[in-house]
mmCIF file of all heavy atoms, coordinates in Angstrom:
data_MODEL
# 
_entry.id   MODEL 
# 
loop_
_atom_site.group_PDB 
_atom_site.id 
_atom_site.type_symbol 
_atom_site.label_atom_id 
_atom_site.label_alt_id 
_atom_site.label_comp_id 
_atom_site.label_asym_id 
_atom_site.label_entity_id 
_atom_site.label_seq_id 
_atom_site.pdbx_PDB_ins_code 
_atom_site.Cartn_x 
_atom_site.Cartn_y 
_atom_site.Cartn_z 
_atom_site.occupancy 
_atom_site.B_iso_or_equiv 
_atom_site.pdbx_formal_charge 
_atom_site.auth_seq_id 
_atom_site.auth_comp_id 
_atom_site.auth_asym_id 
_atom_site.auth_atom_id 
_atom_site.pdbx_PDB_model_num 
ATOM 1   N N   . TRP A 1 1  ? 27.323 20.917 140.173 1.00 0.00 ? 1  TRP A N   1 
ATOM 2   C CA  . TRP A 1 1  ? 26.218 21.769 140.620 1.00 0.00 ? 1  TRP A CA  1 
ATOM 3   C C   . TRP A 1 1  ? 25.029 20.939 141.068 1.00 0.00 ? 1  TRP A C   1 
ATOM 4   O O   . TRP A 1 1  ? 24.278 21.318 141.943 1.00 0.00 ? 1  TRP A O   1 
ATOM 5   C CB  . TRP A 1 1  ? 25.820 22.779 139.539 1.00 0.00 ? 1  TRP A CB  1 
ATOM 6   C CG  . TRP A 1 1  ? 25.193 22.144 138.318 1.00 0.00 ? 1  TRP A CG  1 
ATOM 7   C CD1 . TRP A 1 1  ? 25.836 21.679 137.208 1.00 0.00 ? 1  TRP A CD1 1 
ATOM 8   C CD2 . TRP A 1 1  ? 23.800 21.912 138.115 1.00 0.00 ? 1  TRP A CD2 1 
ATOM 9   N NE1 . TRP A 1 1  ? 24.926 21.156 136.317 1.00 0.00 ? 1  TRP A NE1 1 
ATOM 10  C CE2 . TRP A 1 1  ? 23.652 21.291 136.851 1.00 0.00 ? 1  TRP A CE2 1 
ATOM 11  C CE3 . TRP A 1 1  ? 22.656 22.152 138.856 1.00 0.00 ? 1  TRP A CE3 1 
ATOM 12  C CZ2 . TRP A 1 1  ? 22.434 20.915 136.336 1.00 0.00 ? 1  TRP A CZ2 1 
ATOM 13  C CZ3 . TRP A 1 1  ? 21.432 21.780 138.321 1.00 0.00 ? 1  TRP A CZ3 1 
ATOM 14  C CH2 . TRP A 1 1  ? 21.334 21.176 137.083 1.00 0.00 ? 1  TRP A CH2 1 
ATOM 15  N N   . ARG A 1 2  ? 24.853 19.756 140.459 1.00 0.00 ? 2  ARG A N   1 
ATOM 16  C CA  . ARG A 1 2  ? 23.740 18.883 140.864 1.00 0.00 ? 2  ARG A CA  1 
ATOM 17  C C   . ARG A 1 2  ? 23.922 18.358 142.284 1.00 0.00 ? 2  ARG A C   1 
ATOM 18  O O   . ARG A 1 2  ? 22.966 18.261 143.045 1.00 0.00 ? 2  ARG A O   1 
ATOM 19  C CB  . ARG A 1 2  ? 23.600 17.719 139.892 1.00 0.00 ? 2  ARG A CB  1 
ATOM 20  C CG  . ARG A 1 2  ? 23.061 18.150 138.562 1.00 0.00 ? 2  ARG A CG  1 
ATOM 21  C CD  . ARG A 1 2  ? 22.855 16.996 137.643 1.00 0.00 ? 2  ARG A CD  1 
ATOM 22  N NE  . ARG A 1 2  ? 22.446 17.510 136.346 1.00 0.00 ? 2  ARG A NE  1 
ATOM 23  C CZ  . ARG A 1 2  ? 22.309 16.799 135.275 1.00 0.00 ? 2  ARG A CZ  1 
ATOM 24  N NH1 . ARG A 1 2  ? 22.538 15.507 135.327 1.00 0.00 ? 2  ARG A NH1 1 
ATOM 25  N NH2 . ARG A 1 2  ? 21.941 17.336 134.137 1.00 0.00 ? 2  ARG A NH2 1 
ATOM 26  N N   . THR A 1 3  ? 25.156 18.024 142.632 1.00 0.00 ? 3  THR A N   1 
ATOM 27  C CA  . THR A 1 3  ? 25.442 17.560 143.988 1.00 0.00 ? 3  THR A CA  1 
ATOM 28  C C   . THR A 1 3  ? 25.178 18.665 144.990 1.00 0.00 ? 3  THR A C   1 
ATOM 29  O O   . THR A 1 3  ? 24.539 18.446 146.028 1.00 0.00 ? 3  THR A O   1 
ATOM 30  C CB  . THR A 1 3  ? 26.902 17.080 144.107 1.00 0.00 ? 3  THR A CB  1 
ATOM 31  O OG1 . THR A 1 3  ? 27.119 16.021 143.171 1.00 0.00 ? 3  THR A OG1 1 
ATOM 32  C CG2 . THR A 1 3  ? 27.208 16.586 145.508 1.00 0.00 ? 3  THR A CG2 1 
ATOM 33  N N   . VAL A 1 4  ? 25.645 19.863 144.686 1.00 0.00 ? 4  VAL A N   1 
ATOM 34  C CA  . VAL A 1 4  ? 25.436 21.012 145.574 1.00 0.00 ? 4  VAL A CA  1 
ATOM 35  C C   . VAL A 1 4  ? 23.943 21.282 145.726 1.00 0.00 ? 4  VAL A C   1 
ATOM 36  O O   . VAL A 1 4  ? 23.449 21.511 146.838 1.00 0.00 ? 4  VAL A O   1 
ATOM 37  C CB  . VAL A 1 4  ? 26.178 22.256 145.055 1.00 0.00 ? 4  VAL A CB  1 
ATOM 38  C CG1 . VAL A 1 4  ? 25.824 23.489 145.870 1.00 0.00 ? 4  VAL A CG1 1 
ATOM 39  C CG2 . VAL A 1 4  ? 27.676 22.023 145.061 1.00 0.00 ? 4  VAL A CG2 1 
ATOM 40  N N   . LYS A 1 5  ? 23.208 21.231 144.627 1.00 0.00 ? 5  LYS A N   1 
ATOM 41  C CA  . LYS A 1 5  ? 21.759 21.462 144.658 1.00 0.00 ? 5  LYS A CA  1 
ATOM 42  C C   . LYS A 1 5  ? 21.065 20.402 145.518 1.00 0.00 ? 5  LYS A C   1 
ATOM 43  O O   . LYS A 1 5  ? 20.210 20.721 146.341 1.00 0.00 ? 5  LYS A O   1 
ATOM 44  C CB  . LYS A 1 5  ? 21.204 21.446 143.234 1.00 0.00 ? 5  LYS A CB  1 
ATOM 45  C CG  . LYS A 1 5  ? 19.731 21.767 143.106 1.00 0.00 ? 5  LYS A CG  1 
ATOM 46  C CD  . LYS A 1 5  ? 19.352 21.819 141.625 1.00 0.00 ? 5  LYS A CD  1 
ATOM 47  C CE  . LYS A 1 5  ? 17.950 22.256 141.355 1.00 0.00 ? 5  LYS A CE  1 
ATOM 48  N NZ  . LYS A 1 5  ? 16.897 21.525 141.955 1.00 0.00 ? 5  LYS A NZ  1 
ATOM 49  N N   . GLN A 1 6  ? 21.446 19.145 145.348 1.00 0.00 ? 6  GLN A N   1 
ATOM 50  C CA  . GLN A 1 6  ? 20.848 18.066 146.129 1.00 0.00 ? 6  GLN A CA  1 
ATOM 51  C C   . GLN A 1 6  ? 21.127 18.267 147.621 1.00 0.00 ? 6  GLN A C   1 
ATOM 52  O O   . GLN A 1 6  ? 20.232 18.109 148.449 1.00 0.00 ? 6  GLN A O   1 
ATOM 53  C CB  . GLN A 1 6  ? 21.419 16.724 145.676 1.00 0.00 ? 6  GLN A CB  1 
ATOM 54  C CG  . GLN A 1 6  ? 20.864 15.545 146.455 1.00 0.00 ? 6  GLN A CG  1 
ATOM 55  C CD  . GLN A 1 6  ? 21.521 14.230 146.073 1.00 0.00 ? 6  GLN A CD  1 
ATOM 56  O OE1 . GLN A 1 6  ? 22.599 14.196 145.484 1.00 0.00 ? 6  GLN A OE1 1 
ATOM 57  N NE2 . GLN A 1 6  ? 20.881 13.146 146.409 1.00 0.00 ? 6  GLN A NE2 1 
ATOM 58  N N   . LEU A 1 7  ? 22.338 18.627 147.963 1.00 0.00 ? 7  LEU A N   1 
ATOM 59  C CA  . LEU A 1 7  ? 22.693 18.856 149.359 1.00 0.00 ? 7  LEU A CA  1 
ATOM 60  C C   . LEU A 1 7  ? 21.940 20.055 149.936 1.00 0.00 ? 7  LEU A C   1 
ATOM 61  O O   . LEU A 1 7  ? 21.462 20.017 151.070 1.00 0.00 ? 7  LEU A O   1 
ATOM 62  C CB  . LEU A 1 7  ? 24.200 19.062 149.507 1.00 0.00 ? 7  LEU A CB  1 
ATOM 63  C CG  . LEU A 1 7  ? 25.077 17.848 149.196 1.00 0.00 ? 7  LEU A CG  1 
ATOM 64  C CD1 . LEU A 1 7  ? 26.543 18.254 149.172 1.00 0.00 ? 7  LEU A CD1 1 
ATOM 65  C CD2 . LEU A 1 7  ? 24.838 16.731 150.187 1.00 0.00 ? 7  LEU A CD2 1 
ATOM 66  N N   . ALA A 1 8  ? 21.840 21.099 149.151 1.00 0.00 ? 8  ALA A N   1 
ATOM 67  C CA  . ALA A 1 8  ? 21.187 22.321 149.627 1.00 0.00 ? 8  ALA A CA  1 
ATOM 68  C C   . ALA A 1 8  ? 19.683 22.142 149.805 1.00 0.00 ? 8  ALA A C   1 
ATOM 69  O O   . ALA A 1 8  ? 19.092 22.734 150.710 1.00 0.00 ? 8  ALA A O   1 
ATOM 70  C CB  . ALA A 1 8  ? 21.460 23.462 148.651 1.00 0.00 ? 8  ALA A CB  1 
ATOM 71  N N   . GLU A 1 9  ? 19.068 21.329 148.991 1.00 0.00 ? 9  GLU A N   1 
ATOM 72  C CA  . GLU A 1 9  ? 17.617 21.176 149.035 1.00 0.00 ? 9  GLU A CA  1 
ATOM 73  C C   . GLU A 1 9  ? 17.146 20.078 149.985 1.00 0.00 ? 9  GLU A C   1 
ATOM 74  O O   . GLU A 1 9  ? 15.948 19.967 150.252 1.00 0.00 ? 9  GLU A O   1 
ATOM 75  C CB  . GLU A 1 9  ? 17.085 20.899 147.629 1.00 0.00 ? 9  GLU A CB  1 
ATOM 76  C CG  . GLU A 1 9  ? 17.225 22.103 146.715 1.00 0.00 ? 9  GLU A CG  1 
ATOM 77  C CD  . GLU A 1 9  ? 16.755 21.831 145.304 1.00 0.00 ? 9  GLU A CD  1 
ATOM 78  O OE1 . GLU A 1 9  ? 16.509 20.652 144.947 1.00 0.00 ? 9  GLU A OE1 1 
ATOM 79  O OE2 . GLU A 1 9  ? 16.640 22.809 144.536 1.00 0.00 ? 9  GLU A OE2 1 
ATOM 80  N N   . ALA A 1 10 ? 18.058 19.295 150.531 1.00 0.00 ? 10 ALA A N   1 
ATOM 81  C CA  . ALA A 1 10 ? 17.657 18.206 151.436 1.00 0.00 ? 10 ALA A CA  1 
ATOM 82  C C   . ALA A 1 10 ? 17.098 18.781 152.727 1.00 0.00 ? 10 ALA A C   1 
ATOM 83  O O   . ALA A 1 10 ? 17.698 19.629 153.364 1.00 0.00 ? 10 ALA A O   1 
ATOM 84  C CB  . ALA A 1 10 ? 18.853 17.311 151.721 1.00 0.00 ? 10 ALA A CB  1 
ATOM 85  N N   . LYS A 1 11 ? 15.922 18.330 153.099 1.00 0.00 ? 11 LYS A N   1 
ATOM 86  C CA  . LYS A 1 11 ? 15.280 18.787 154.335 1.00 0.00 ? 11 LYS A CA  1 
ATOM 87  C C   . LYS A 1 11 ? 15.667 17.902 155.521 1.00 0.00 ? 11 LYS A C   1 
ATOM 88  O O   . LYS A 1 11 ? 15.535 18.309 156.664 1.00 0.00 ? 11 LYS A O   1 
ATOM 89  C CB  . LYS A 1 11 ? 13.774 18.814 154.160 1.00 0.00 ? 11 LYS A CB  1 
ATOM 90  C CG  . LYS A 1 11 ? 13.337 19.838 153.122 1.00 0.00 ? 11 LYS A CG  1 
ATOM 91  C CD  . LYS A 1 11 ? 11.843 19.953 153.035 1.00 0.00 ? 11 LYS A CD  1 
ATOM 92  C CE  . LYS A 1 11 ? 11.342 20.948 152.032 1.00 0.00 ? 11 LYS A CE  1 
ATOM 93  N NZ  . LYS A 1 11 ? 12.211 21.477 151.047 1.00 0.00 ? 11 LYS A NZ  1 
ATOM 94  N N   . ALA A 1 12 ? 16.125 16.696 155.231 1.00 0.00 ? 12 ALA A N   1 
ATOM 95  C CA  . ALA A 1 12 ? 16.550 15.765 156.271 1.00 0.00 ? 12 ALA A CA  1 
ATOM 96  C C   . ALA A 1 12 ? 17.719 14.937 155.729 1.00 0.00 ? 12 ALA A C   1 
ATOM 97  O O   . ALA A 1 12 ? 17.809 14.703 154.520 1.00 0.00 ? 12 ALA A O   1 
ATOM 98  C CB  . ALA A 1 12 ? 15.393 14.843 156.659 1.00 0.00 ? 12 ALA A CB  1 
ATOM 99  N N   . PRO A 1 13 ? 18.619 14.492 156.600 1.00 0.00 ? 13 PRO A N   1 
ATOM 100 C CA  . PRO A 1 13 ? 19.764 13.697 156.131 1.00 0.00 ? 13 PRO A CA  1 
ATOM 101 C C   . PRO A 1 13 ? 19.358 12.448 155.359 1.00 0.00 ? 13 PRO A C   1 
ATOM 102 O O   . PRO A 1 13 ? 20.053 12.037 154.439 1.00 0.00 ? 13 PRO A O   1 
ATOM 103 C CB  . PRO A 1 13 ? 20.493 13.317 157.423 1.00 0.00 ? 13 PRO A CB  1 
ATOM 104 C CG  . PRO A 1 13 ? 20.054 14.314 158.429 1.00 0.00 ? 13 PRO A CG  1 
ATOM 105 C CD  . PRO A 1 13 ? 18.665 14.729 158.033 1.00 0.00 ? 13 PRO A CD  1 
ATOM 106 N N   . GLU A 1 14 ? 18.213 11.852 155.728 1.00 0.00 ? 14 GLU A N   1 
ATOM 107 C CA  . GLU A 1 14 ? 17.771 10.636 155.060 1.00 0.00 ? 14 GLU A CA  1 
ATOM 108 C C   . GLU A 1 14 ? 17.549 10.835 153.563 1.00 0.00 ? 14 GLU A C   1 
ATOM 109 O O   . GLU A 1 14 ? 17.645 9.886  152.792 1.00 0.00 ? 14 GLU A O   1 
ATOM 110 C CB  . GLU A 1 14 ? 16.479 10.110 155.710 1.00 0.00 ? 14 GLU A CB  1 
ATOM 111 C CG  . GLU A 1 14 ? 16.670 9.575  157.106 1.00 0.00 ? 14 GLU A CG  1 
ATOM 112 C CD  . GLU A 1 14 ? 16.808 10.654 158.173 1.00 0.00 ? 14 GLU A CD  1 
ATOM 113 O OE1 . GLU A 1 14 ? 16.426 11.824 157.928 1.00 0.00 ? 14 GLU A OE1 1 
ATOM 114 O OE2 . GLU A 1 14 ? 17.316 10.339 159.252 1.00 0.00 ? 14 GLU A OE2 1 
ATOM 115 N N   . GLU A 1 15 ? 17.241 12.050 153.163 1.00 0.00 ? 15 GLU A N   1 
ATOM 116 C CA  . GLU A 1 15 ? 17.032 12.328 151.744 1.00 0.00 ? 15 GLU A CA  1 
ATOM 117 C C   . GLU A 1 15 ? 18.323 12.166 150.944 1.00 0.00 ? 15 GLU A C   1 
ATOM 118 O O   . GLU A 1 15 ? 18.280 11.999 149.727 1.00 0.00 ? 15 GLU A O   1 
ATOM 119 C CB  . GLU A 1 15 ? 16.489 13.746 151.557 1.00 0.00 ? 15 GLU A CB  1 
ATOM 120 C CG  . GLU A 1 15 ? 15.089 13.941 152.084 1.00 0.00 ? 15 GLU A CG  1 
ATOM 121 C CD  . GLU A 1 15 ? 14.587 15.364 151.886 1.00 0.00 ? 15 GLU A CD  1 
ATOM 122 O OE1 . GLU A 1 15 ? 15.080 16.060 150.975 1.00 0.00 ? 15 GLU A OE1 1 
ATOM 123 O OE2 . GLU A 1 15 ? 13.700 15.771 152.655 1.00 0.00 ? 15 GLU A OE2 1 
ATOM 124 N N   . LEU A 1 16 ? 19.459 12.210 151.610 1.00 0.00 ? 16 LEU A N   1 
ATOM 125 C CA  . LEU A 1 16 ? 20.742 12.101 150.927 1.00 0.00 ? 16 LEU A CA  1 
ATOM 126 C C   . LEU A 1 16 ? 21.203 10.659 150.766 1.00 0.00 ? 16 LEU A C   1 
ATOM 127 O O   . LEU A 1 16 ? 22.140 10.385 150.040 1.00 0.00 ? 16 LEU A O   1 
ATOM 128 C CB  . LEU A 1 16 ? 21.812 12.897 151.689 1.00 0.00 ? 16 LEU A CB  1 
ATOM 129 C CG  . LEU A 1 16 ? 21.508 14.385 151.860 1.00 0.00 ? 16 LEU A CG  1 
ATOM 130 C CD1 . LEU A 1 16 ? 22.548 15.029 152.752 1.00 0.00 ? 16 LEU A CD1 1 
ATOM 131 C CD2 . LEU A 1 16 ? 21.443 15.074 150.515 1.00 0.00 ? 16 LEU A CD2 1 
ATOM 132 N N   . PHE A 1 17 ? 20.543 9.741  151.469 1.00 0.00 ? 17 PHE A N   1 
ATOM 133 C CA  . PHE A 1 17 ? 20.912 8.337  151.392 1.00 0.00 ? 17 PHE A CA  1 
ATOM 134 C C   . PHE A 1 17 ? 20.217 7.691  150.202 1.00 0.00 ? 17 PHE A C   1 
ATOM 135 O O   . PHE A 1 17 ? 19.189 7.045  150.334 1.00 0.00 ? 17 PHE A O   1 
ATOM 136 C CB  . PHE A 1 17 ? 20.543 7.602  152.679 1.00 0.00 ? 17 PHE A CB  1 
ATOM 137 C CG  . PHE A 1 17 ? 21.217 8.164  153.901 1.00 0.00 ? 17 PHE A CG  1 
ATOM 138 C CD1 . PHE A 1 17 ? 20.503 8.328  155.061 1.00 0.00 ? 17 PHE A CD1 1 
ATOM 139 C CD2 . PHE A 1 17 ? 22.539 8.541  153.884 1.00 0.00 ? 17 PHE A CD2 1 
ATOM 140 C CE1 . PHE A 1 17 ? 21.106 8.836  156.199 1.00 0.00 ? 17 PHE A CE1 1 
ATOM 141 C CE2 . PHE A 1 17 ? 23.159 9.053  155.006 1.00 0.00 ? 17 PHE A CE2 1 
ATOM 142 C CZ  . PHE A 1 17 ? 22.441 9.199  156.167 1.00 0.00 ? 17 PHE A CZ  1 
ATOM 143 N N   . THR A 1 18 ? 20.785 7.859  149.043 1.00 0.00 ? 18 THR A N   1 
ATOM 144 C CA  . THR A 1 18 ? 20.221 7.277  147.830 1.00 0.00 ? 18 THR A CA  1 
ATOM 145 C C   . THR A 1 18 ? 21.332 6.588  147.057 1.00 0.00 ? 18 THR A C   1 
ATOM 146 O O   . THR A 1 18 ? 22.512 6.791  147.314 1.00 0.00 ? 18 THR A O   1 
ATOM 147 C CB  . THR A 1 18 ? 19.596 8.363  146.934 1.00 0.00 ? 18 THR A CB  1 
ATOM 148 O OG1 . THR A 1 18 ? 20.620 9.298  146.568 1.00 0.00 ? 18 THR A OG1 1 
ATOM 149 C CG2 . THR A 1 18 ? 18.468 9.088  147.641 1.00 0.00 ? 18 THR A CG2 1 
ATOM 150 N N   . GLY A 1 19 ? 20.962 5.770  146.134 1.00 0.00 ? 19 GLY A N   1 
ATOM 151 C CA  . GLY A 1 19 ? 21.953 5.137  145.283 1.00 0.00 ? 19 GLY A CA  1 
ATOM 152 C C   . GLY A 1 19 ? 21.811 3.631  145.266 1.00 0.00 ? 19 GLY A C   1 
ATOM 153 O O   . GLY A 1 19 ? 20.946 3.046  145.916 1.00 0.00 ? 19 GLY A O   1 
ATOM 154 N N   . GLN A 1 20 ? 22.714 3.000  144.545 1.00 0.00 ? 20 GLN A N   1 
ATOM 155 C CA  . GLN A 1 20 ? 22.625 1.570  144.298 1.00 0.00 ? 20 GLN A CA  1 
ATOM 156 C C   . GLN A 1 20 ? 22.840 0.724  145.551 1.00 0.00 ? 20 GLN A C   1 
ATOM 157 O O   . GLN A 1 20 ? 22.436 -0.433 145.597 1.00 0.00 ? 20 GLN A O   1 
ATOM 158 C CB  . GLN A 1 20 ? 23.633 1.159  143.238 1.00 0.00 ? 20 GLN A CB  1 
ATOM 159 C CG  . GLN A 1 20 ? 25.081 1.344  143.661 1.00 0.00 ? 20 GLN A CG  1 
ATOM 160 C CD  . GLN A 1 20 ? 26.040 0.888  142.589 1.00 0.00 ? 20 GLN A CD  1 
ATOM 161 O OE1 . GLN A 1 20 ? 25.657 0.112  141.721 1.00 0.00 ? 20 GLN A OE1 1 
ATOM 162 N NE2 . GLN A 1 20 ? 27.267 1.354  142.636 1.00 0.00 ? 20 GLN A NE2 1 
ATOM 163 N N   . TRP A 1 21 ? 23.467 1.255  146.583 1.00 0.00 ? 21 TRP A N   1 
ATOM 164 C CA  . TRP A 1 21 ? 23.764 0.458  147.768 1.00 0.00 ? 21 TRP A CA  1 
ATOM 165 C C   . TRP A 1 21 ? 22.678 0.565  148.826 1.00 0.00 ? 21 TRP A C   1 
ATOM 166 O O   . TRP A 1 21 ? 22.716 -0.137 149.827 1.00 0.00 ? 21 TRP A O   1 
ATOM 167 C CB  . TRP A 1 21 ? 25.105 0.872  148.359 1.00 0.00 ? 21 TRP A CB  1 
ATOM 168 C CG  . TRP A 1 21 ? 26.204 0.765  147.365 1.00 0.00 ? 21 TRP A CG  1 
ATOM 169 C CD1 . TRP A 1 21 ? 26.901 1.789  146.808 1.00 0.00 ? 21 TRP A CD1 1 
ATOM 170 C CD2 . TRP A 1 21 ? 26.720 -0.424 146.764 1.00 0.00 ? 21 TRP A CD2 1 
ATOM 171 N NE1 . TRP A 1 21 ? 27.815 1.307  145.907 1.00 0.00 ? 21 TRP A NE1 1 
ATOM 172 C CE2 . TRP A 1 21 ? 27.724 -0.034 145.866 1.00 0.00 ? 21 TRP A CE2 1 
ATOM 173 C CE3 . TRP A 1 21 ? 26.414 -1.774 146.898 1.00 0.00 ? 21 TRP A CE3 1 
ATOM 174 C CZ2 . TRP A 1 21 ? 28.438 -0.967 145.106 1.00 0.00 ? 21 TRP A CZ2 1 
ATOM 175 C CZ3 . TRP A 1 21 ? 27.138 -2.685 146.143 1.00 0.00 ? 21 TRP A CZ3 1 
ATOM 176 C CH2 . TRP A 1 21 ? 28.132 -2.280 145.264 1.00 0.00 ? 21 TRP A CH2 1 
ATOM 177 N N   . GLN A 1 22 ? 21.708 1.414  148.632 1.00 0.00 ? 22 GLN A N   1 
ATOM 178 C CA  . GLN A 1 22 ? 20.651 1.571  149.619 1.00 0.00 ? 22 GLN A CA  1 
ATOM 179 C C   . GLN A 1 22 ? 19.686 0.395  149.580 1.00 0.00 ? 22 GLN A C   1 
ATOM 180 O O   . GLN A 1 22 ? 19.435 -0.193 148.539 1.00 0.00 ? 22 GLN A O   1 
ATOM 181 C CB  . GLN A 1 22 ? 19.884 2.875  149.379 1.00 0.00 ? 22 GLN A CB  1 
ATOM 182 C CG  . GLN A 1 22 ? 20.715 4.102  149.655 1.00 0.00 ? 22 GLN A CG  1 
ATOM 183 C CD  . GLN A 1 22 ? 21.373 4.078  151.022 1.00 0.00 ? 22 GLN A CD  1 
ATOM 184 O OE1 . GLN A 1 22 ? 22.571 4.031  151.136 1.00 0.00 ? 22 GLN A OE1 1 
ATOM 185 N NE2 . GLN A 1 22 ? 20.594 4.087  152.053 1.00 0.00 ? 22 GLN A NE2 1 
ATOM 186 N N   . ASN A 1 23 ? 19.142 0.064  150.744 1.00 0.00 ? 23 ASN A N   1 
ATOM 187 C CA  . ASN A 1 23 ? 18.158 -1.014 150.905 1.00 0.00 ? 23 ASN A CA  1 
ATOM 188 C C   . ASN A 1 23 ? 18.687 -2.371 150.473 1.00 0.00 ? 23 ASN A C   1 
ATOM 189 O O   . ASN A 1 23 ? 17.926 -3.249 150.102 1.00 0.00 ? 23 ASN A O   1 
ATOM 190 C CB  . ASN A 1 23 ? 16.867 -0.691 150.151 1.00 0.00 ? 23 ASN A CB  1 
ATOM 191 C CG  . ASN A 1 23 ? 16.255 0.597  150.643 1.00 0.00 ? 23 ASN A CG  1 
ATOM 192 O OD1 . ASN A 1 23 ? 16.268 0.880  151.837 1.00 0.00 ? 23 ASN A OD1 1 
ATOM 193 N ND2 . ASN A 1 23 ? 15.745 1.392  149.738 1.00 0.00 ? 23 ASN A ND2 1 
ATOM 194 N N   . ARG A 1 24 ? 19.998 -2.529 150.513 1.00 0.00 ? 24 ARG A N   1 
ATOM 195 C CA  . ARG A 1 24 ? 20.611 -3.795 150.177 1.00 0.00 ? 24 ARG A CA  1 
ATOM 196 C C   . ARG A 1 24 ? 20.770 -4.614 151.451 1.00 0.00 ? 24 ARG A C   1 
ATOM 197 O O   . ARG A 1 24 ? 21.165 -4.084 152.478 1.00 0.00 ? 24 ARG A O   1 
ATOM 198 C CB  . ARG A 1 24 ? 21.979 -3.509 149.578 1.00 0.00 ? 24 ARG A CB  1 
ATOM 199 C CG  . ARG A 1 24 ? 22.424 -4.528 148.623 1.00 0.00 ? 24 ARG A CG  1 
ATOM 200 C CD  . ARG A 1 24 ? 23.592 -4.053 147.832 1.00 0.00 ? 24 ARG A CD  1 
ATOM 201 N NE  . ARG A 1 24 ? 24.022 -5.206 147.089 1.00 0.00 ? 24 ARG A NE  1 
ATOM 202 C CZ  . ARG A 1 24 ? 25.201 -5.350 146.573 1.00 0.00 ? 24 ARG A CZ  1 
ATOM 203 N NH1 . ARG A 1 24 ? 26.086 -4.398 146.691 1.00 0.00 ? 24 ARG A NH1 1 
ATOM 204 N NH2 . ARG A 1 24 ? 25.511 -6.431 145.936 1.00 0.00 ? 24 ARG A NH2 1 
# 
């Protein structure tokens, strides 16, 4: 449900690019 909520609430695709591999 957290994944679905995160996807549903994102206003832009960039908001979904998170995690340990970002900005590496």
